[in-house]
Amino acid sequence: MNAGSTPRFSENTAKSMAELTHTLADGTPAHGFSTLLAELATIVRNTCRTPHAGTDVPTFYIVTSANQKQKRALQLIQQINV
């Protein structure tokens, strides 16, 4: 290897690294903090108004329901003590 060059991975090594996933005891893929935050970011609060209502009519909110992965992430976040 020349000075300044970086080691190269073979195509097979790259494939096996790409296929490497960490799984939890229940078989679901493990996530890092950033991927869990991205998952939680899909929980939104929508401001709604009835169809054909004027701007003076009160609005209401609908919050999307958390899926099982999101519920578990929220449980874990609530356990963090700072």
PDB file of N, CA and C in Angstrom:
ATOM      1  N   MET A   1       0.849  -1.161   0.000  1.00  0.00           N
ATOM      2  CA  MET A   1       0.000   0.000   0.000  1.00  0.00           C
ATOM      3  C   MET A   1       0.898   1.228   0.000  1.00  0.00           C
ATOM      4  N   ASN A   2       0.602   2.178  -0.856  1.00  0.00           N
ATOM      5  CA  ASN A   2       1.376   3.404  -0.927  1.00  0.00           C
ATOM      6  C   ASN A   2       1.006   4.340   0.203  1.00  0.00           C
ATOM      7  N   ALA A   3       1.968   5.173   0.595  1.00  0.00           N
ATOM      8  CA  ALA A   3       1.679   6.171   1.631  1.00  0.00           C
ATOM      9  C   ALA A   3       0.582   7.100   1.135  1.00  0.00           C
ATOM     10  N   GLY A   4      -0.373   7.372   1.970  1.00  0.00           N
ATOM     11  CA  GLY A   4      -1.472   8.266   1.598  1.00  0.00           C
ATOM     12  C   GLY A   4      -2.646   7.566   0.956  1.00  0.00           C
ATOM     13  N   SER A   5      -2.503   6.311   0.626  1.00  0.00           N
ATOM     14  CA  SER A   5      -3.635   5.614   0.030  1.00  0.00           C
ATOM     15  C   SER A   5      -4.478   4.989   1.137  1.00  0.00           C
ATOM     16  N   THR A   6      -5.713   4.776   0.832  1.00  0.00           N
ATOM     17  CA  THR A   6      -6.618   4.184   1.811  1.00  0.00           C
ATOM     18  C   THR A   6      -6.895   2.746   1.426  1.00  0.00           C
ATOM     19  N   PRO A   7      -7.131   1.898   2.406  1.00  0.00           N
ATOM     20  CA  PRO A   7      -7.430   0.503   2.071  1.00  0.00           C
ATOM     21  C   PRO A   7      -8.750   0.421   1.313  1.00  0.00           C
ATOM     22  N   ARG A   8      -8.803  -0.492   0.374  1.00  0.00           N
ATOM     23  CA  ARG A   8     -10.016  -0.671  -0.428  1.00  0.00           C
ATOM     24  C   ARG A   8     -10.718  -1.948   0.016  1.00  0.00           C
ATOM     25  N   PHE A   9     -12.011  -1.880   0.068  1.00  0.00           N
ATOM     26  CA  PHE A   9     -12.802  -3.052   0.408  1.00  0.00           C
ATOM     27  C   PHE A   9     -13.196  -3.761  -0.879  1.00  0.00           C
ATOM     28  N   SER A  10     -13.234  -5.054  -0.822  1.00  0.00           N
ATOM     29  CA  SER A  10     -13.704  -5.801  -1.976  1.00  0.00           C
ATOM     30  C   SER A  10     -15.219  -5.651  -2.071  1.00  0.00           C
ATOM     31  N   GLU A  11     -15.749  -5.960  -3.209  1.00  0.00           N
ATOM     32  CA  GLU A  11     -17.198  -5.865  -3.409  1.00  0.00           C
ATOM     33  C   GLU A  11     -17.932  -6.780  -2.442  1.00  0.00           C
ATOM     34  N   ASN A  12     -17.390  -7.964  -2.194  1.00  0.00           N
ATOM     35  CA  ASN A  12     -18.022  -8.907  -1.254  1.00  0.00           C
ATOM     36  C   ASN A  12     -18.021  -8.351   0.158  1.00  0.00           C
ATOM     37  N   THR A  13     -16.930  -7.707   0.563  1.00  0.00           N
ATOM     38  CA  THR A  13     -16.861  -7.117   1.895  1.00  0.00           C
ATOM     39  C   THR A  13     -17.892  -6.018   2.034  1.00  0.00           C
ATOM     40  N   ALA A  14     -18.010  -5.178   1.012  1.00  0.00           N
ATOM     41  CA  ALA A  14     -18.979  -4.083   1.049  1.00  0.00           C
ATOM     42  C   ALA A  14     -20.402  -4.630   1.141  1.00  0.00           C
ATOM     43  N   LYS A  15     -20.686  -5.681   0.386  1.00  0.00           N
ATOM     44  CA  LYS A  15     -22.031  -6.280   0.440  1.00  0.00           C
ATOM     45  C   LYS A  15     -22.320  -6.842   1.822  1.00  0.00           C
ATOM     46  N   SER A  16     -21.353  -7.554   2.396  1.00  0.00           N
ATOM     47  CA  SER A  16     -21.610  -8.146   3.702  1.00  0.00           C
ATOM     48  C   SER A  16     -21.758  -7.075   4.766  1.00  0.00           C
ATOM     49  N   MET A  17     -21.025  -5.969   4.638  1.00  0.00           N
ATOM     50  CA  MET A  17     -21.183  -4.876   5.589  1.00  0.00           C
ATOM     51  C   MET A  17     -22.555  -4.230   5.434  1.00  0.00           C
ATOM     52  N   ALA A  18     -23.032  -4.081   4.208  1.00  0.00           N
ATOM     53  CA  ALA A  18     -24.333  -3.473   3.969  1.00  0.00           C
ATOM     54  C   ALA A  18     -25.461  -4.357   4.483  1.00  0.00           C
ATOM     55  N   GLU A  19     -25.240  -5.670   4.417  1.00  0.00           N
ATOM     56  CA  GLU A  19     -26.278  -6.592   4.861  1.00  0.00           C
ATOM     57  C   GLU A  19     -26.276  -6.783   6.375  1.00  0.00           C
ATOM     58  N   LEU A  20     -25.228  -6.319   7.037  1.00  0.00           N
ATOM     59  CA  LEU A  20     -25.116  -6.468   8.483  1.00  0.00           C
ATOM     60  C   LEU A  20     -26.125  -5.561   9.168  1.00  0.00           C
ATOM     61  N   THR A  21     -27.028  -6.153   9.909  1.00  0.00           N
ATOM     62  CA  THR A  21     -27.990  -5.374  10.673  1.00  0.00           C
ATOM     63  C   THR A  21     -28.023  -5.903  12.090  1.00  0.00           C
ATOM     64  N   HIS A  22     -28.265  -5.013  12.992  1.00  0.00           N
ATOM     65  CA  HIS A  22     -28.404  -5.411  14.387  1.00  0.00           C
ATOM     66  C   HIS A  22     -29.886  -5.558  14.678  1.00  0.00           C
ATOM     67  N   THR A  23     -30.239  -6.625  15.340  1.00  0.00           N
ATOM     68  CA  THR A  23     -31.644  -6.860  15.654  1.00  0.00           C
ATOM     69  C   THR A  23     -31.836  -6.966  17.150  1.00  0.00           C
ATOM     70  N   LEU A  24     -33.029  -6.647  17.561  1.00  0.00           N
ATOM     71  CA  LEU A  24     -33.407  -6.749  18.964  1.00  0.00           C
ATOM     72  C   LEU A  24     -33.873  -8.166  19.255  1.00  0.00           C
ATOM     73  N   ALA A  25     -34.148  -8.451  20.505  1.00  0.00           N
ATOM     74  CA  ALA A  25     -34.565  -9.791  20.915  1.00  0.00           C
ATOM     75  C   ALA A  25     -35.843 -10.234  20.210  1.00  0.00           C
ATOM     76  N   ASP A  26     -36.726  -9.258  19.876  1.00  0.00           N
ATOM     77  CA  ASP A  26     -37.979  -9.617  19.204  1.00  0.00           C
ATOM     78  C   ASP A  26     -37.825  -9.722  17.693  1.00  0.00           C
ATOM     79  N   GLY A  27     -36.588  -9.561  17.180  1.00  0.00           N
ATOM     80  CA  GLY A  27     -36.346  -9.710  15.754  1.00  0.00           C
ATOM     81  C   GLY A  27     -36.458  -8.423  14.951  1.00  0.00           C
ATOM     82  N   THR A  28     -36.872  -7.344  15.576  1.00  0.00           N
ATOM     83  CA  THR A  28     -36.981  -6.071  14.862  1.00  0.00           C
ATOM     84  C   THR A  28     -35.608  -5.419  14.757  1.00  0.00           C
ATOM     85  N   PRO A  29     -35.385  -4.622  13.705  1.00  0.00           N
ATOM     86  CA  PRO A  29     -34.078  -3.986  13.558  1.00  0.00           C
ATOM     87  C   PRO A  29     -33.832  -2.945  14.641  1.00  0.00           C
ATOM     88  N   ALA A  30     -32.596  -2.884  15.100  1.00  0.00           N
ATOM     89  CA  ALA A  30     -32.216  -1.881  16.094  1.00  0.00           C
ATOM     90  C   ALA A  30     -32.047  -0.531  15.403  1.00  0.00           C
ATOM     91  N   HIS A  31     -32.307   0.534  16.139  1.00  0.00           N
ATOM     92  CA  HIS A  31     -32.188   1.882  15.607  1.00  0.00           C
ATOM     93  C   HIS A  31     -31.240   2.690  16.460  1.00  0.00           C
ATOM     94  N   GLY A  32     -30.641   3.680  15.855  1.00  0.00           N
ATOM     95  CA  GLY A  32     -29.860   4.653  16.597  1.00  0.00           C
ATOM     96  C   GLY A  32     -30.766   5.794  17.012  1.00  0.00           C
ATOM     97  N   PHE A  33     -30.218   6.698  17.800  1.00  0.00           N
ATOM     98  CA  PHE A  33     -31.017   7.818  18.290  1.00  0.00           C
ATOM     99  C   PHE A  33     -31.559   8.662  17.138  1.00  0.00           C
ATOM    100  N   SER A  34     -30.743   8.906  16.125  1.00  0.00           N
ATOM    101  CA  SER A  34     -31.186   9.754  15.011  1.00  0.00           C
ATOM    102  C   SER A  34     -32.311   9.100  14.208  1.00  0.00           C
ATOM    103  N   THR A  35     -32.252   7.787  14.021  1.00  0.00           N
ATOM    104  CA  THR A  35     -33.327   7.130  13.272  1.00  0.00           C
ATOM    105  C   THR A  35     -34.617   7.074  14.085  1.00  0.00           C
ATOM    106  N   LEU A  36     -34.492   6.956  15.412  1.00  0.00           N
ATOM    107  CA  LEU A  36     -35.697   6.997  16.248  1.00  0.00           C
ATOM    108  C   LEU A  36     -36.320   8.386  16.221  1.00  0.00           C
ATOM    109  N   LEU A  37     -35.491   9.423  16.242  1.00  0.00           N
ATOM    110  CA  LEU A  37     -36.037  10.782  16.141  1.00  0.00           C
ATOM    111  C   LEU A  37     -36.737  10.989  14.800  1.00  0.00           C
ATOM    112  N   ALA A  38     -36.164  10.459  13.750  1.00  0.00           N
ATOM    113  CA  ALA A  38     -36.803  10.568  12.433  1.00  0.00           C
ATOM    114  C   ALA A  38     -38.148   9.855  12.433  1.00  0.00           C
ATOM    115  N   GLU A  39     -38.208   8.709  13.091  1.00  0.00           N
ATOM    116  CA  GLU A  39     -39.471   7.966  13.203  1.00  0.00           C
ATOM    117  C   GLU A  39     -40.495   8.759  14.010  1.00  0.00           C
ATOM    118  N   LEU A  40     -40.038   9.371  15.117  1.00  0.00           N
ATOM    119  CA  LEU A  40     -40.944  10.160  15.952  1.00  0.00           C
ATOM    120  C   LEU A  40     -41.411  11.428  15.250  1.00  0.00           C
ATOM    121  N   ALA A  41     -40.623  11.921  14.318  1.00  0.00           N
ATOM    122  CA  ALA A  41     -40.985  13.148  13.601  1.00  0.00           C
ATOM    123  C   ALA A  41     -42.222  12.977  12.731  1.00  0.00           C
ATOM    124  N   THR A  42     -42.635  11.747  12.507  1.00  0.00           N
ATOM    125  CA  THR A  42     -43.834  11.527  11.699  1.00  0.00           C
ATOM    126  C   THR A  42     -45.118  11.662  12.520  1.00  0.00           C
ATOM    127  N   ILE A  43     -44.985  11.823  13.837  1.00  0.00           N
ATOM    128  CA  ILE A  43     -46.156  12.111  14.677  1.00  0.00           C
ATOM    129  C   ILE A  43     -46.397  13.618  14.578  1.00  0.00           C
ATOM    130  N   VAL A  44     -47.548  13.983  14.066  1.00  0.00           N
ATOM    131  CA  VAL A  44     -47.812  15.404  13.836  1.00  0.00           C
ATOM    132  C   VAL A  44     -49.158  15.817  14.410  1.00  0.00           C
ATOM    133  N   ARG A  45     -49.300  17.125  14.616  1.00  0.00           N
ATOM    134  CA  ARG A  45     -50.578  17.700  15.034  1.00  0.00           C
ATOM    135  C   ARG A  45     -51.077  18.544  13.867  1.00  0.00           C
ATOM    136  N   ASN A  46     -52.211  18.168  13.321  1.00  0.00           N
ATOM    137  CA  ASN A  46     -52.817  18.892  12.209  1.00  0.00           C
ATOM    138  C   ASN A  46     -53.883  19.843  12.727  1.00  0.00           C
ATOM    139  N   THR A  47     -53.839  21.071  12.273  1.00  0.00           N
ATOM    140  CA  THR A  47     -54.881  22.038  12.602  1.00  0.00           C
ATOM    141  C   THR A  47     -55.962  21.917  11.535  1.00  0.00           C
ATOM    142  N   CYS A  48     -57.191  21.677  11.955  1.00  0.00           N
ATOM    143  CA  CYS A  48     -58.286  21.401  11.024  1.00  0.00           C
ATOM    144  C   CYS A  48     -59.424  22.402  11.208  1.00  0.00           C
ATOM    145  N   ARG A  49     -60.184  22.561  10.162  1.00  0.00           N
ATOM    146  CA  ARG A  49     -61.388  23.383  10.181  1.00  0.00           C
ATOM    147  C   ARG A  49     -62.413  22.646   9.322  1.00  0.00           C
ATOM    148  N   THR A  50     -63.669  22.709   9.692  1.00  0.00           N
ATOM    149  CA  THR A  50     -64.696  22.009   8.925  1.00  0.00           C
ATOM    150  C   THR A  50     -64.760  22.575   7.507  1.00  0.00           C
ATOM    151  N   PRO A  51     -65.098  21.738   6.531  1.00  0.00           N
ATOM    152  CA  PRO A  51     -65.145  22.192   5.141  1.00  0.00           C
ATOM    153  C   PRO A  51     -66.095  23.379   4.966  1.00  0.00           C
ATOM    154  N   HIS A  52     -65.717  24.297   4.130  1.00  0.00           N
ATOM    155  CA  HIS A  52     -66.509  25.477   3.763  1.00  0.00           C
ATOM    156  C   HIS A  52     -66.780  26.409   4.942  1.00  0.00           C
ATOM    157  N   ALA A  53     -66.037  26.247   6.018  1.00  0.00           N
ATOM    158  CA  ALA A  53     -66.225  27.114   7.189  1.00  0.00           C
ATOM    159  C   ALA A  53     -65.430  28.404   6.958  1.00  0.00           C
ATOM    160  N   GLY A  54     -65.927  29.463   7.495  1.00  0.00           N
ATOM    161  CA  GLY A  54     -65.236  30.736   7.395  1.00  0.00           C
ATOM    162  C   GLY A  54     -64.036  30.766   8.326  1.00  0.00           C
ATOM    163  N   THR A  55     -63.227  31.808   8.179  1.00  0.00           N
ATOM    164  CA  THR A  55     -62.027  31.926   9.008  1.00  0.00           C
ATOM    165  C   THR A  55     -62.361  32.232  10.467  1.00  0.00           C
ATOM    166  N   ASP A  56     -63.606  32.645  10.730  1.00  0.00           N
ATOM    167  CA  ASP A  56     -63.991  32.944  12.109  1.00  0.00           C
ATOM    168  C   ASP A  56     -64.455  31.709  12.879  1.00  0.00           C
ATOM    169  N   VAL A  57     -64.590  30.575  12.196  1.00  0.00           N
ATOM    170  CA  VAL A  57     -65.013  29.326  12.838  1.00  0.00           C
ATOM    171  C   VAL A  57     -63.805  28.724  13.559  1.00  0.00           C
ATOM    172  N   PRO A  58     -63.998  28.267  14.801  1.00  0.00           N
ATOM    173  CA  PRO A  58     -62.871  27.693  15.550  1.00  0.00           C
ATOM    174  C   PRO A  58     -62.259  26.476  14.850  1.00  0.00           C
ATOM    175  N   THR A  59     -60.973  26.316  15.032  1.00  0.00           N
ATOM    176  CA  THR A  59     -60.270  25.154  14.489  1.00  0.00           C
ATOM    177  C   THR A  59     -60.177  24.082  15.568  1.00  0.00           C
ATOM    178  N   PHE A  60     -59.796  22.894  15.150  1.00  0.00           N
ATOM    179  CA  PHE A  60     -59.554  21.805  16.094  1.00  0.00           C
ATOM    180  C   PHE A  60     -58.315  21.055  15.641  1.00  0.00           C
ATOM    181  N   TYR A  61     -57.743  20.291  16.544  1.00  0.00           N
ATOM    182  CA  TYR A  61     -56.500  19.590  16.264  1.00  0.00           C
ATOM    183  C   TYR A  61     -56.724  18.088  16.189  1.00  0.00           C
ATOM    184  N   ILE A  62     -55.988  17.465  15.298  1.00  0.00           N
ATOM    185  CA  ILE A  62     -55.940  16.004  15.225  1.00  0.00           C
ATOM    186  C   ILE A  62     -54.460  15.622  15.283  1.00  0.00           C
ATOM    187  N   VAL A  63     -54.107  14.784  16.241  1.00  0.00           N
ATOM    188  CA  VAL A  63     -52.733  14.299  16.378  1.00  0.00           C
ATOM    189  C   VAL A  63     -52.692  12.874  15.838  1.00  0.00           C
ATOM    190  N   THR A  64     -51.710  12.610  14.977  1.00  0.00           N
ATOM    191  CA  THR A  64     -51.600  11.256  14.433  1.00  0.00           C
ATOM    192  C   THR A  64     -51.285  10.274  15.554  1.00  0.00           C
ATOM    193  N   SER A  65     -51.753   9.078  15.400  1.00  0.00           N
ATOM    194  CA  SER A  65     -51.528   8.038  16.414  1.00  0.00           C
ATOM    195  C   SER A  65     -50.136   7.452  16.256  1.00  0.00           C
ATOM    196  N   ALA A  66     -49.480   7.194  17.364  1.00  0.00           N
ATOM    197  CA  ALA A  66     -48.147   6.591  17.342  1.00  0.00           C
ATOM    198  C   ALA A  66     -48.265   5.099  17.040  1.00  0.00           C
ATOM    199  N   ASN A  67     -47.350   4.601  16.206  1.00  0.00           N
ATOM    200  CA  ASN A  67     -47.317   3.160  15.968  1.00  0.00           C
ATOM    201  C   ASN A  67     -46.545   2.497  17.116  1.00  0.00           C
ATOM    202  N   GLN A  68     -46.395   1.179  17.074  1.00  0.00           N
ATOM    203  CA  GLN A  68     -45.764   0.460  18.182  1.00  0.00           C
ATOM    204  C   GLN A  68     -44.322   0.901  18.399  1.00  0.00           C
ATOM    205  N   LYS A  69     -43.578   1.096  17.318  1.00  0.00           N
ATOM    206  CA  LYS A  69     -42.183   1.521  17.437  1.00  0.00           C
ATOM    207  C   LYS A  69     -42.090   2.908  18.071  1.00  0.00           C
ATOM    208  N   GLN A  70     -42.996   3.792  17.666  1.00  0.00           N
ATOM    209  CA  GLN A  70     -43.009   5.147  18.223  1.00  0.00           C
ATOM    210  C   GLN A  70     -43.398   5.138  19.696  1.00  0.00           C
ATOM    211  N   LYS A  71     -44.371   4.312  20.048  1.00  0.00           N
ATOM    212  CA  LYS A  71     -44.785   4.206  21.456  1.00  0.00           C
ATOM    213  C   LYS A  71     -43.623   3.741  22.317  1.00  0.00           C
ATOM    214  N   ARG A  72     -42.881   2.749  21.824  1.00  0.00           N
ATOM    215  CA  ARG A  72     -41.738   2.234  22.577  1.00  0.00           C
ATOM    216  C   ARG A  72     -40.651   3.297  22.703  1.00  0.00           C
ATOM    217  N   ALA A  73     -40.397   4.035  21.644  1.00  0.00           N
ATOM    218  CA  ALA A  73     -39.392   5.098  21.685  1.00  0.00           C
ATOM    219  C   ALA A  73     -39.795   6.172  22.690  1.00  0.00           C
ATOM    220  N   LEU A  74     -41.067   6.519  22.716  1.00  0.00           N
ATOM    221  CA  LEU A  74     -41.544   7.522  23.669  1.00  0.00           C
ATOM    222  C   LEU A  74     -41.397   7.024  25.103  1.00  0.00           C
ATOM    223  N   GLN A  75     -41.669   5.744  25.331  1.00  0.00           N
ATOM    224  CA  GLN A  75     -41.475   5.162  26.669  1.00  0.00           C
ATOM    225  C   GLN A  75     -40.022   5.265  27.101  1.00  0.00           C
ATOM    226  N   LEU A  76     -39.109   4.948  26.189  1.00  0.00           N
ATOM    227  CA  LEU A  76     -37.693   5.003  26.522  1.00  0.00           C
ATOM    228  C   LEU A  76     -37.231   6.427  26.778  1.00  0.00           C
ATOM    229  N   ILE A  77     -37.715   7.362  26.003  1.00  0.00           N
ATOM    230  CA  ILE A  77     -37.340   8.775  26.198  1.00  0.00           C
ATOM    231  C   ILE A  77     -37.821   9.278  27.559  1.00  0.00           C
ATOM    232  N   GLN A  78     -39.000   8.846  27.966  1.00  0.00           N
ATOM    233  CA  GLN A  78     -39.538   9.288  29.263  1.00  0.00           C
ATOM    234  C   GLN A  78     -38.714   8.752  30.421  1.00  0.00           C
ATOM    235  N   GLN A  79     -37.931   7.711  30.212  1.00  0.00           N
ATOM    236  CA  GLN A  79     -37.107   7.145  31.265  1.00  0.00           C
ATOM    237  C   GLN A  79     -35.774   7.867  31.427  1.00  0.00           C
ATOM    238  N   ILE A  80     -35.452   8.778  30.510  1.00  0.00           N
ATOM    239  CA  ILE A  80     -34.182   9.520  30.592  1.00  0.00           C
ATOM    240  C   ILE A  80     -34.253  10.536  31.715  1.00  0.00           C
ATOM    241  N   ASN A  81     -33.295  10.477  32.617  1.00  0.00           N
ATOM    242  CA  ASN A  81     -33.199  11.432  33.716  1.00  0.00           C
ATOM    243  C   ASN A  81     -32.064  12.386  33.438  1.00  0.00           C
ATOM    244  N   VAL A  82     -32.371  13.676  33.488  1.00  0.00           N
ATOM    245  CA  VAL A  82     -31.318  14.678  33.284  1.00  0.00           C
ATOM    246  C   VAL A  82     -31.184  15.553  34.508  1.00  0.00           C
TER     247      VAL A  82
END
